[in-house]
N, C-alpha and C. Protein backbone atom coordinates (compact mmCIF):
# COMPACT_ATOMS: atom_id res chain seq x y z
N MET A 1 -66.53 216.69 -231.80
CA MET A 1 -67.15 216.07 -230.65
C MET A 1 -68.03 217.11 -229.97
N ASN A 2 -69.30 216.82 -229.85
CA ASN A 2 -70.27 217.70 -229.20
C ASN A 2 -70.41 217.29 -227.74
N VAL A 3 -70.05 218.19 -226.85
CA VAL A 3 -70.04 217.89 -225.42
C VAL A 3 -71.06 218.76 -224.70
N LEU A 4 -71.97 218.13 -223.98
CA LEU A 4 -72.91 218.84 -223.13
C LEU A 4 -72.25 219.04 -221.78
N VAL A 5 -72.14 220.28 -221.35
CA VAL A 5 -71.44 220.64 -220.12
C VAL A 5 -72.41 221.36 -219.19
N PHE A 6 -72.45 220.92 -217.93
CA PHE A 6 -73.27 221.63 -216.96
C PHE A 6 -72.85 221.28 -215.54
N ALA A 7 -73.27 222.13 -214.63
CA ALA A 7 -73.13 221.85 -213.20
C ALA A 7 -74.46 221.32 -212.70
N ALA A 8 -74.39 220.37 -211.81
CA ALA A 8 -75.60 219.83 -211.19
C ALA A 8 -76.00 220.75 -210.04
N SER A 9 -76.19 222.01 -210.40
CA SER A 9 -76.51 223.08 -209.45
C SER A 9 -77.27 224.16 -210.20
N ASN A 10 -78.20 224.81 -209.50
CA ASN A 10 -78.91 225.91 -210.14
C ASN A 10 -78.30 227.26 -209.79
N ASN A 11 -77.10 227.25 -209.25
CA ASN A 11 -76.35 228.48 -208.99
C ASN A 11 -75.67 228.90 -210.29
N ARG A 12 -76.08 230.01 -210.84
CA ARG A 12 -75.53 230.46 -212.13
C ARG A 12 -74.04 230.81 -212.03
N GLN A 13 -73.54 231.02 -210.84
CA GLN A 13 -72.11 231.29 -210.63
C GLN A 13 -71.40 230.08 -210.03
N SER A 14 -71.92 228.91 -210.25
CA SER A 14 -71.39 227.68 -209.65
C SER A 14 -69.92 227.46 -210.00
N ILE A 15 -69.12 227.16 -208.98
CA ILE A 15 -67.73 226.81 -209.22
C ILE A 15 -67.64 225.47 -209.94
N ASN A 16 -68.63 224.62 -209.78
CA ASN A 16 -68.65 223.35 -210.50
C ASN A 16 -68.91 223.56 -211.98
N ARG A 17 -69.66 224.57 -212.30
CA ARG A 17 -69.87 224.93 -213.72
C ARG A 17 -68.55 225.44 -214.32
N SER A 18 -67.83 226.27 -213.57
CA SER A 18 -66.53 226.77 -214.04
C SER A 18 -65.56 225.62 -214.26
N LEU A 19 -65.53 224.68 -213.34
CA LEU A 19 -64.64 223.53 -213.46
C LEU A 19 -65.01 222.66 -214.67
N ALA A 20 -66.30 222.39 -214.83
CA ALA A 20 -66.75 221.55 -215.96
C ALA A 20 -66.44 222.22 -217.29
N TYR A 21 -66.69 223.52 -217.37
CA TYR A 21 -66.40 224.24 -218.61
C TYR A 21 -64.89 224.24 -218.89
N SER A 22 -64.09 224.48 -217.88
CA SER A 22 -62.64 224.44 -218.04
C SER A 22 -62.19 223.08 -218.57
N ALA A 23 -62.75 222.03 -218.02
CA ALA A 23 -62.40 220.67 -218.46
C ALA A 23 -62.72 220.49 -219.94
N ALA A 24 -63.89 220.93 -220.34
CA ALA A 24 -64.32 220.73 -221.74
C ALA A 24 -63.45 221.50 -222.72
N THR A 25 -62.83 222.57 -222.27
CA THR A 25 -61.98 223.35 -223.17
C THR A 25 -60.56 222.79 -223.27
N GLN A 26 -60.27 221.72 -222.58
CA GLN A 26 -58.91 221.17 -222.53
C GLN A 26 -58.50 220.46 -223.83
N VAL A 27 -59.47 220.01 -224.60
CA VAL A 27 -59.18 219.18 -225.77
C VAL A 27 -59.65 219.90 -227.03
N ALA A 28 -58.79 219.90 -228.04
CA ALA A 28 -59.13 220.55 -229.31
C ALA A 28 -60.26 219.79 -230.01
N GLY A 29 -61.01 220.51 -230.81
CA GLY A 29 -62.06 219.89 -231.61
C GLY A 29 -63.34 219.62 -230.85
N VAL A 30 -63.54 220.30 -229.76
CA VAL A 30 -64.74 220.09 -228.94
C VAL A 30 -65.71 221.25 -229.16
N ASN A 31 -66.95 220.90 -229.48
CA ASN A 31 -68.04 221.89 -229.54
C ASN A 31 -68.78 221.79 -228.22
N ILE A 32 -68.80 222.89 -227.48
CA ILE A 32 -69.37 222.89 -226.13
C ILE A 32 -70.78 223.45 -226.14
N ASP A 33 -71.70 222.69 -225.56
CA ASP A 33 -73.05 223.17 -225.29
C ASP A 33 -73.13 223.35 -223.78
N LEU A 34 -72.96 224.59 -223.31
CA LEU A 34 -72.95 224.90 -221.88
C LEU A 34 -74.38 225.15 -221.42
N LEU A 35 -74.86 224.27 -220.60
CA LEU A 35 -76.24 224.30 -220.14
C LEU A 35 -76.29 224.78 -218.70
N ASP A 36 -77.34 225.47 -218.33
CA ASP A 36 -77.56 225.91 -216.96
C ASP A 36 -78.85 225.26 -216.47
N ILE A 37 -78.75 224.40 -215.47
CA ILE A 37 -79.97 223.71 -215.04
C ILE A 37 -80.96 224.65 -214.35
N ALA A 38 -80.55 225.87 -214.04
CA ALA A 38 -81.51 226.86 -213.52
C ALA A 38 -82.58 227.15 -214.57
N ASP A 39 -82.27 226.90 -215.83
CA ASP A 39 -83.25 227.10 -216.90
C ASP A 39 -84.22 225.92 -217.02
N TYR A 40 -84.05 224.91 -216.17
CA TYR A 40 -84.87 223.70 -216.23
C TYR A 40 -85.58 223.44 -214.90
N GLU A 41 -85.94 224.50 -214.21
CA GLU A 41 -86.61 224.34 -212.92
C GLU A 41 -88.08 223.99 -213.14
N MET A 42 -88.52 222.99 -212.38
CA MET A 42 -89.88 222.47 -212.49
C MET A 42 -90.45 222.27 -211.09
N PRO A 43 -91.74 222.02 -210.99
CA PRO A 43 -92.30 221.69 -209.66
C PRO A 43 -91.58 220.47 -209.10
N LEU A 44 -91.55 220.38 -207.77
CA LEU A 44 -90.93 219.21 -207.15
C LEU A 44 -91.61 217.94 -207.65
N PHE A 45 -90.80 216.96 -207.98
CA PHE A 45 -91.33 215.71 -208.51
C PHE A 45 -92.12 214.97 -207.44
N SER A 46 -93.23 214.40 -207.86
CA SER A 46 -93.98 213.42 -207.07
C SER A 46 -94.81 212.61 -208.05
N ASP A 47 -95.16 211.40 -207.66
CA ASP A 47 -96.00 210.56 -208.52
C ASP A 47 -97.32 211.26 -208.82
N GLU A 48 -97.88 211.91 -207.80
CA GLU A 48 -99.16 212.61 -207.97
C GLU A 48 -99.03 213.73 -209.01
N ARG A 49 -97.96 214.52 -208.91
CA ARG A 49 -97.77 215.60 -209.90
C ARG A 49 -97.57 215.02 -211.29
N GLU A 50 -96.85 213.93 -211.37
CA GLU A 50 -96.62 213.33 -212.68
C GLU A 50 -97.94 212.87 -213.30
N GLN A 51 -98.82 212.27 -212.49
CA GLN A 51 -100.12 211.84 -213.00
C GLN A 51 -100.96 213.03 -213.45
N ARG A 52 -100.85 214.11 -212.72
CA ARG A 52 -101.64 215.30 -213.03
C ARG A 52 -101.06 216.10 -214.19
N LEU A 53 -99.73 216.26 -214.21
CA LEU A 53 -99.08 217.13 -215.19
C LEU A 53 -98.53 216.41 -216.41
N GLY A 54 -98.27 215.12 -216.27
CA GLY A 54 -97.55 214.42 -217.33
C GLY A 54 -96.09 214.80 -217.28
N GLN A 55 -95.40 214.60 -218.38
CA GLN A 55 -93.98 214.93 -218.43
C GLN A 55 -93.81 216.42 -218.77
N PRO A 56 -93.15 217.17 -217.91
CA PRO A 56 -92.93 218.59 -218.21
C PRO A 56 -92.07 218.77 -219.45
N ALA A 57 -92.37 219.78 -220.22
CA ALA A 57 -91.61 220.08 -221.43
C ALA A 57 -90.13 220.30 -221.13
N LEU A 58 -89.81 220.87 -219.97
CA LEU A 58 -88.41 221.11 -219.62
C LEU A 58 -87.65 219.80 -219.40
N ALA A 59 -88.29 218.80 -218.82
CA ALA A 59 -87.64 217.50 -218.64
C ALA A 59 -87.40 216.85 -220.00
N LEU A 60 -88.36 216.96 -220.88
CA LEU A 60 -88.19 216.43 -222.24
C LEU A 60 -87.06 217.15 -222.97
N ALA A 61 -86.99 218.46 -222.82
CA ALA A 61 -85.93 219.24 -223.47
C ALA A 61 -84.56 218.85 -222.93
N PHE A 62 -84.45 218.65 -221.62
CA PHE A 62 -83.19 218.23 -221.02
C PHE A 62 -82.78 216.85 -221.55
N HIS A 63 -83.72 215.94 -221.61
CA HIS A 63 -83.46 214.61 -222.15
C HIS A 63 -82.96 214.69 -223.59
N GLN A 64 -83.56 215.57 -224.38
CA GLN A 64 -83.15 215.74 -225.77
C GLN A 64 -81.75 216.35 -225.88
N LYS A 65 -81.39 217.24 -224.95
CA LYS A 65 -80.03 217.81 -224.93
C LYS A 65 -78.99 216.70 -224.74
N ILE A 66 -79.27 215.79 -223.84
CA ILE A 66 -78.36 214.67 -223.61
C ILE A 66 -78.30 213.80 -224.87
N ALA A 67 -79.45 213.54 -225.47
CA ALA A 67 -79.49 212.71 -226.68
C ALA A 67 -78.67 213.31 -227.81
N ALA A 68 -78.64 214.62 -227.92
CA ALA A 68 -77.94 215.29 -229.02
C ALA A 68 -76.43 215.36 -228.80
N ALA A 69 -75.97 215.09 -227.60
CA ALA A 69 -74.55 215.20 -227.29
C ALA A 69 -73.80 213.90 -227.60
N ASP A 70 -72.51 214.05 -227.90
CA ASP A 70 -71.64 212.89 -228.02
C ASP A 70 -71.10 212.47 -226.66
N ALA A 71 -71.00 213.44 -225.75
CA ALA A 71 -70.40 213.17 -224.44
C ALA A 71 -70.91 214.20 -223.44
N LEU A 72 -70.68 213.90 -222.16
CA LEU A 72 -71.13 214.76 -221.07
C LEU A 72 -69.97 215.10 -220.15
N VAL A 73 -69.94 216.34 -219.69
CA VAL A 73 -69.03 216.76 -218.62
C VAL A 73 -69.90 217.44 -217.58
N ILE A 74 -69.96 216.83 -216.39
CA ILE A 74 -70.86 217.31 -215.34
C ILE A 74 -70.06 217.61 -214.08
N GLY A 75 -70.30 218.80 -213.52
CA GLY A 75 -69.71 219.18 -212.25
C GLY A 75 -70.76 219.07 -211.16
N PHE A 76 -70.52 218.21 -210.19
CA PHE A 76 -71.50 217.94 -209.13
C PHE A 76 -71.23 218.79 -207.90
N ALA A 77 -72.13 219.71 -207.62
CA ALA A 77 -72.06 220.48 -206.38
C ALA A 77 -72.59 219.61 -205.25
N GLU A 78 -72.06 219.86 -204.07
CA GLU A 78 -72.47 219.07 -202.90
C GLU A 78 -73.18 219.96 -201.90
N HIS A 79 -74.41 219.59 -201.56
CA HIS A 79 -75.17 220.29 -200.52
C HIS A 79 -75.42 219.30 -199.39
N ASN A 80 -74.86 219.58 -198.25
CA ASN A 80 -75.03 218.72 -197.08
C ASN A 80 -74.69 217.27 -197.39
N GLY A 81 -73.63 217.06 -198.14
CA GLY A 81 -73.14 215.72 -198.43
C GLY A 81 -73.86 215.01 -199.54
N SER A 82 -74.76 215.68 -200.24
CA SER A 82 -75.55 215.01 -201.27
C SER A 82 -75.73 215.93 -202.48
N TYR A 83 -76.58 215.47 -203.42
CA TYR A 83 -76.91 216.26 -204.60
C TYR A 83 -77.65 217.53 -204.21
N THR A 84 -77.57 218.53 -205.07
CA THR A 84 -78.40 219.73 -204.87
C THR A 84 -79.85 219.35 -205.13
N ALA A 85 -80.76 220.06 -204.51
CA ALA A 85 -82.19 219.80 -204.73
C ALA A 85 -82.56 220.03 -206.19
N ALA A 86 -81.96 221.05 -206.81
CA ALA A 86 -82.28 221.36 -208.21
C ALA A 86 -81.89 220.19 -209.12
N TRP A 87 -80.70 219.62 -208.93
CA TRP A 87 -80.27 218.49 -209.76
C TRP A 87 -81.14 217.26 -209.50
N LYS A 88 -81.39 216.97 -208.24
CA LYS A 88 -82.17 215.78 -207.91
C LYS A 88 -83.56 215.87 -208.53
N ASN A 89 -84.16 217.05 -208.52
CA ASN A 89 -85.49 217.21 -209.10
C ASN A 89 -85.47 217.03 -210.61
N LEU A 90 -84.51 217.67 -211.27
CA LEU A 90 -84.38 217.51 -212.73
C LEU A 90 -84.10 216.06 -213.08
N PHE A 91 -83.22 215.43 -212.33
CA PHE A 91 -82.89 214.03 -212.56
C PHE A 91 -84.13 213.14 -212.38
N ASP A 92 -84.89 213.38 -211.31
CA ASP A 92 -86.08 212.56 -211.06
C ASP A 92 -87.10 212.69 -212.18
N TRP A 93 -87.38 213.91 -212.63
CA TRP A 93 -88.33 214.09 -213.73
C TRP A 93 -87.81 213.42 -215.00
N THR A 94 -86.52 213.58 -215.30
CA THR A 94 -85.97 213.02 -216.52
C THR A 94 -85.94 211.50 -216.46
N SER A 95 -85.71 210.94 -215.29
CA SER A 95 -85.68 209.47 -215.16
C SER A 95 -87.03 208.84 -215.43
N ARG A 96 -88.09 209.63 -215.36
CA ARG A 96 -89.43 209.10 -215.66
C ARG A 96 -89.66 209.05 -217.18
N ILE A 97 -88.89 209.80 -217.93
CA ILE A 97 -88.92 209.72 -219.39
C ILE A 97 -88.14 208.50 -219.84
N ASP A 98 -86.96 208.35 -219.22
CA ASP A 98 -86.04 207.27 -219.59
C ASP A 98 -85.17 207.01 -218.37
N LYS A 99 -85.25 205.80 -217.80
CA LYS A 99 -84.43 205.50 -216.62
C LYS A 99 -82.95 205.69 -216.93
N ALA A 100 -82.56 205.46 -218.18
CA ALA A 100 -81.17 205.66 -218.60
C ALA A 100 -80.95 207.14 -218.90
N VAL A 101 -81.04 207.97 -217.86
CA VAL A 101 -80.96 209.42 -218.00
C VAL A 101 -79.74 209.84 -218.83
N PHE A 102 -78.60 209.21 -218.57
CA PHE A 102 -77.35 209.61 -219.23
C PHE A 102 -77.18 208.98 -220.62
N GLN A 103 -78.09 208.10 -220.99
CA GLN A 103 -78.20 207.54 -222.34
C GLN A 103 -76.89 206.92 -222.85
N ASN A 104 -76.13 206.36 -221.93
CA ASN A 104 -74.86 205.68 -222.23
C ASN A 104 -73.84 206.58 -222.93
N LYS A 105 -73.97 207.87 -222.76
CA LYS A 105 -73.01 208.81 -223.34
C LYS A 105 -71.72 208.75 -222.50
N PRO A 106 -70.56 208.70 -223.14
CA PRO A 106 -69.32 208.78 -222.37
C PRO A 106 -69.33 210.07 -221.55
N ALA A 107 -68.87 209.96 -220.31
CA ALA A 107 -68.96 211.12 -219.41
C ALA A 107 -67.72 211.26 -218.54
N VAL A 108 -67.47 212.51 -218.17
CA VAL A 108 -66.51 212.83 -217.13
C VAL A 108 -67.32 213.50 -216.02
N PHE A 109 -67.21 212.95 -214.83
CA PHE A 109 -67.88 213.52 -213.66
C PHE A 109 -66.83 214.23 -212.82
N LEU A 110 -67.13 215.46 -212.45
CA LEU A 110 -66.23 216.29 -211.66
C LEU A 110 -66.96 216.82 -210.44
N ALA A 111 -66.19 217.28 -209.48
CA ALA A 111 -66.77 217.96 -208.32
C ALA A 111 -65.70 218.82 -207.68
N THR A 112 -66.15 219.93 -207.12
CA THR A 112 -65.25 220.79 -206.37
C THR A 112 -66.05 221.48 -205.28
N SER A 113 -65.32 222.05 -204.34
CA SER A 113 -65.93 222.84 -203.27
C SER A 113 -64.88 223.80 -202.75
N PRO A 114 -65.31 224.80 -201.98
CA PRO A 114 -64.33 225.72 -201.42
C PRO A 114 -63.41 225.05 -200.39
N GLY A 115 -63.88 223.97 -199.79
CA GLY A 115 -63.12 223.32 -198.73
C GLY A 115 -62.28 222.15 -199.22
N PRO A 116 -61.54 221.55 -198.31
CA PRO A 116 -60.60 220.48 -198.67
C PRO A 116 -61.28 219.18 -199.10
N GLY A 117 -62.56 219.03 -198.85
CA GLY A 117 -63.26 217.80 -199.24
C GLY A 117 -63.51 217.69 -200.73
N GLY A 118 -63.55 218.82 -201.43
CA GLY A 118 -63.72 218.82 -202.88
C GLY A 118 -65.01 218.18 -203.37
N ALA A 119 -66.04 218.14 -202.51
CA ALA A 119 -67.33 217.51 -202.87
C ALA A 119 -67.14 216.06 -203.27
N ALA A 120 -66.13 215.42 -202.70
CA ALA A 120 -65.80 214.03 -203.06
C ALA A 120 -66.93 213.06 -202.73
N HIS A 121 -67.69 213.36 -201.68
CA HIS A 121 -68.77 212.43 -201.30
C HIS A 121 -69.85 212.37 -202.38
N VAL A 122 -70.32 213.53 -202.83
CA VAL A 122 -71.36 213.52 -203.86
C VAL A 122 -70.81 212.97 -205.18
N LEU A 123 -69.56 213.24 -205.46
CA LEU A 123 -68.95 212.71 -206.68
C LEU A 123 -68.95 211.19 -206.64
N GLN A 124 -68.56 210.62 -205.52
CA GLN A 124 -68.54 209.16 -205.41
C GLN A 124 -69.94 208.59 -205.54
N THR A 125 -70.91 209.26 -204.96
CA THR A 125 -72.31 208.83 -205.08
C THR A 125 -72.74 208.84 -206.55
N ALA A 126 -72.39 209.91 -207.26
CA ALA A 126 -72.76 210.04 -208.67
C ALA A 126 -72.10 208.95 -209.51
N VAL A 127 -70.82 208.72 -209.28
CA VAL A 127 -70.09 207.69 -210.04
C VAL A 127 -70.66 206.30 -209.75
N ASP A 128 -70.92 206.01 -208.49
CA ASP A 128 -71.43 204.69 -208.10
C ASP A 128 -72.83 204.43 -208.66
N SER A 129 -73.66 205.45 -208.72
CA SER A 129 -75.04 205.25 -209.18
C SER A 129 -75.19 205.34 -210.70
N ALA A 130 -74.23 205.94 -211.37
CA ALA A 130 -74.34 206.20 -212.81
C ALA A 130 -74.70 204.97 -213.65
N PRO A 131 -74.08 203.81 -213.43
CA PRO A 131 -74.42 202.65 -214.28
C PRO A 131 -75.91 202.26 -214.22
N HIS A 132 -76.56 202.56 -213.12
CA HIS A 132 -77.99 202.24 -212.99
C HIS A 132 -78.86 203.18 -213.83
N TYR A 133 -78.27 204.28 -214.31
CA TYR A 133 -79.03 205.29 -215.05
C TYR A 133 -78.39 205.60 -216.39
N GLY A 134 -77.81 204.58 -217.01
CA GLY A 134 -77.22 204.74 -218.33
C GLY A 134 -75.96 205.56 -218.32
N GLY A 135 -75.27 205.62 -217.20
CA GLY A 135 -74.03 206.38 -217.11
C GLY A 135 -72.84 205.58 -217.61
N ASN A 136 -72.01 206.21 -218.38
CA ASN A 136 -70.80 205.60 -218.93
C ASN A 136 -69.62 206.50 -218.53
N VAL A 137 -69.31 206.50 -217.25
CA VAL A 137 -68.30 207.40 -216.70
C VAL A 137 -66.92 206.90 -217.08
N ARG A 138 -66.22 207.71 -217.85
CA ARG A 138 -64.88 207.37 -218.31
C ARG A 138 -63.81 207.84 -217.34
N ALA A 139 -64.10 208.88 -216.59
CA ALA A 139 -63.16 209.40 -215.60
C ALA A 139 -63.91 210.31 -214.64
N SER A 140 -63.34 210.47 -213.44
CA SER A 140 -63.91 211.39 -212.46
C SER A 140 -62.76 212.05 -211.70
N LEU A 141 -63.04 213.24 -211.20
CA LEU A 141 -62.01 213.97 -210.47
C LEU A 141 -62.66 214.94 -209.49
N SER A 142 -62.16 214.92 -208.27
CA SER A 142 -62.55 215.88 -207.24
C SER A 142 -61.42 216.89 -207.10
N VAL A 143 -61.77 218.17 -207.14
CA VAL A 143 -60.78 219.25 -206.97
C VAL A 143 -61.06 219.92 -205.63
N PRO A 144 -60.19 219.73 -204.64
CA PRO A 144 -60.39 220.36 -203.34
C PRO A 144 -60.06 221.85 -203.37
N SER A 145 -60.53 222.56 -202.38
CA SER A 145 -60.17 223.96 -202.16
C SER A 145 -60.12 224.75 -203.47
N PHE A 146 -61.27 224.87 -204.09
CA PHE A 146 -61.38 225.44 -205.44
C PHE A 146 -60.60 226.74 -205.61
N GLN A 147 -60.78 227.70 -204.72
CA GLN A 147 -60.14 229.00 -204.88
C GLN A 147 -58.61 228.91 -204.83
N ASP A 148 -58.09 227.90 -204.17
CA ASP A 148 -56.63 227.71 -204.10
C ASP A 148 -56.08 226.99 -205.33
N ASN A 149 -56.95 226.34 -206.08
CA ASN A 149 -56.50 225.49 -207.19
C ASN A 149 -57.06 225.88 -208.55
N PHE A 150 -57.73 227.04 -208.63
CA PHE A 150 -58.36 227.47 -209.89
C PHE A 150 -58.20 228.96 -210.03
N ASP A 151 -57.85 229.40 -211.21
CA ASP A 151 -57.71 230.83 -211.50
C ASP A 151 -58.93 231.27 -212.31
N ASP A 152 -59.78 232.10 -211.69
CA ASP A 152 -60.99 232.58 -212.37
C ASP A 152 -60.65 233.40 -213.61
N ASN A 153 -59.54 234.12 -213.60
CA ASN A 153 -59.17 234.96 -214.74
C ASN A 153 -58.82 234.14 -215.97
N THR A 154 -58.11 233.05 -215.79
CA THR A 154 -57.72 232.22 -216.93
C THR A 154 -58.69 231.08 -217.17
N GLY A 155 -59.54 230.77 -216.16
CA GLY A 155 -60.46 229.65 -216.28
C GLY A 155 -59.74 228.31 -216.28
N ARG A 156 -58.65 228.22 -215.55
CA ARG A 156 -57.84 227.00 -215.54
C ARG A 156 -57.49 226.56 -214.12
N VAL A 157 -57.34 225.26 -213.98
CA VAL A 157 -56.83 224.68 -212.74
C VAL A 157 -55.35 225.04 -212.66
N THR A 158 -54.92 225.54 -211.52
CA THR A 158 -53.54 226.00 -211.35
C THR A 158 -52.62 224.95 -210.74
N ASN A 159 -53.18 224.00 -210.04
CA ASN A 159 -52.37 222.93 -209.45
C ASN A 159 -51.94 221.99 -210.57
N PRO A 160 -50.62 221.85 -210.83
CA PRO A 160 -50.16 221.05 -211.96
C PRO A 160 -50.63 219.59 -211.93
N ALA A 161 -50.65 218.97 -210.76
CA ALA A 161 -51.08 217.58 -210.67
C ALA A 161 -52.57 217.45 -211.00
N LEU A 162 -53.39 218.36 -210.47
CA LEU A 162 -54.82 218.32 -210.77
C LEU A 162 -55.09 218.67 -212.22
N GLN A 163 -54.35 219.63 -212.77
CA GLN A 163 -54.49 219.99 -214.18
C GLN A 163 -54.18 218.79 -215.07
N TYR A 164 -53.14 218.06 -214.74
CA TYR A 164 -52.76 216.87 -215.50
C TYR A 164 -53.88 215.83 -215.44
N GLU A 165 -54.43 215.59 -214.25
CA GLU A 165 -55.53 214.63 -214.11
C GLU A 165 -56.75 215.07 -214.91
N LEU A 166 -57.03 216.35 -214.92
CA LEU A 166 -58.17 216.88 -215.67
C LEU A 166 -57.97 216.65 -217.17
N LEU A 167 -56.79 216.93 -217.66
CA LEU A 167 -56.49 216.72 -219.07
C LEU A 167 -56.59 215.23 -219.42
N GLN A 168 -56.07 214.37 -218.56
CA GLN A 168 -56.14 212.93 -218.81
C GLN A 168 -57.60 212.46 -218.85
N ALA A 169 -58.42 213.00 -217.96
CA ALA A 169 -59.85 212.65 -217.95
C ALA A 169 -60.50 213.01 -219.28
N MET A 170 -60.18 214.20 -219.77
CA MET A 170 -60.78 214.65 -221.03
C MET A 170 -60.26 213.85 -222.22
N LEU A 171 -59.01 213.44 -222.19
CA LEU A 171 -58.49 212.59 -223.27
C LEU A 171 -59.18 211.23 -223.26
N LYS A 172 -59.46 210.68 -222.09
CA LYS A 172 -60.21 209.42 -222.00
C LYS A 172 -61.61 209.60 -222.61
N LEU A 173 -62.21 210.75 -222.34
CA LEU A 173 -63.54 211.02 -222.89
C LEU A 173 -63.48 211.10 -224.42
N LYS A 174 -62.52 211.83 -224.93
CA LYS A 174 -62.38 211.96 -226.38
C LYS A 174 -62.11 210.61 -227.03
N ASN A 175 -61.26 209.79 -226.42
CA ASN A 175 -60.99 208.45 -226.95
C ASN A 175 -62.24 207.59 -226.96
N ALA A 176 -63.05 207.68 -225.92
CA ALA A 176 -64.29 206.90 -225.86
C ALA A 176 -65.25 207.31 -226.97
N VAL A 177 -65.36 208.62 -227.22
CA VAL A 177 -66.24 209.10 -228.30
C VAL A 177 -65.71 208.61 -229.64
N ASN A 178 -64.40 208.70 -229.86
CA ASN A 178 -63.81 208.24 -231.12
C ASN A 178 -64.02 206.74 -231.32
N GLN A 179 -63.90 205.96 -230.27
CA GLN A 179 -64.14 204.53 -230.36
C GLN A 179 -65.60 204.23 -230.72
N ARG A 180 -66.52 204.98 -230.14
CA ARG A 180 -67.95 204.79 -230.47
C ARG A 180 -68.21 205.10 -231.93
N ARG A 181 -67.58 206.17 -232.42
CA ARG A 181 -67.76 206.55 -233.83
C ARG A 181 -67.20 205.48 -234.75
N GLU A 182 -66.01 204.97 -234.43
CA GLU A 182 -65.40 203.93 -235.25
C GLU A 182 -66.25 202.67 -235.27
N SER A 183 -66.78 202.28 -234.11
CA SER A 183 -67.65 201.11 -234.03
C SER A 183 -68.91 201.30 -234.85
N SER A 184 -69.47 202.52 -234.79
CA SER A 184 -70.67 202.82 -235.55
C SER A 184 -70.40 202.76 -237.05
N LEU A 185 -69.26 203.29 -237.47
CA LEU A 185 -68.88 203.24 -238.90
C LEU A 185 -68.67 201.81 -239.35
N GLN A 186 -68.04 201.01 -238.52
CA GLN A 186 -67.81 199.60 -238.88
C GLN A 186 -69.12 198.86 -239.03
N ARG A 187 -70.08 199.13 -238.16
CA ARG A 187 -71.39 198.48 -238.26
C ARG A 187 -72.11 198.90 -239.55
N MET A 188 -71.95 200.17 -239.91
CA MET A 188 -72.62 200.68 -241.12
C MET A 188 -72.03 200.10 -242.39
N THR A 189 -70.72 199.84 -242.38
CA THR A 189 -70.06 199.32 -243.58
C THR A 189 -70.03 197.79 -243.63
N ALA A 190 -70.44 197.14 -242.56
CA ALA A 190 -70.42 195.67 -242.53
C ALA A 190 -71.59 195.07 -243.27
């Protein structure tokens, strides 16, 4: 199973990136493509820029990364109760290539923050809007108070209840990918 993993943040030390990567390592047989959206920074999206520039190569490359994956694990950072500007810009450019940005790939959406809110607001926004953009969210989880619930040395969630939920989310993702493969094989042999 090829999983594209990234944080919806251009902070290269993002705690959401650590959480997403940790989640992806929970299940055996996963090939992880760890992406950093800081490598996909483009001019701020506007209709005028799009008419002048066309589709930026970085937006096309990001779209192709999603296309090549079997599944997605995304950690959503929250800035002032919403998406980071870096994610929103990349998302906007990519949505002009294909409104179904997530390309119906099975996904786990995660979020964390240093505080007790766990970026739950942005996570709920992402989950609620995903179906409009080809999102196939199989599970989501907010991890509050990241430093209290995650060990940077081991790269693991330390709270047993949250760790269990994270593992269950990843098993749902793996099952969804396996079901898609089985359906595809059945169609090919029919």
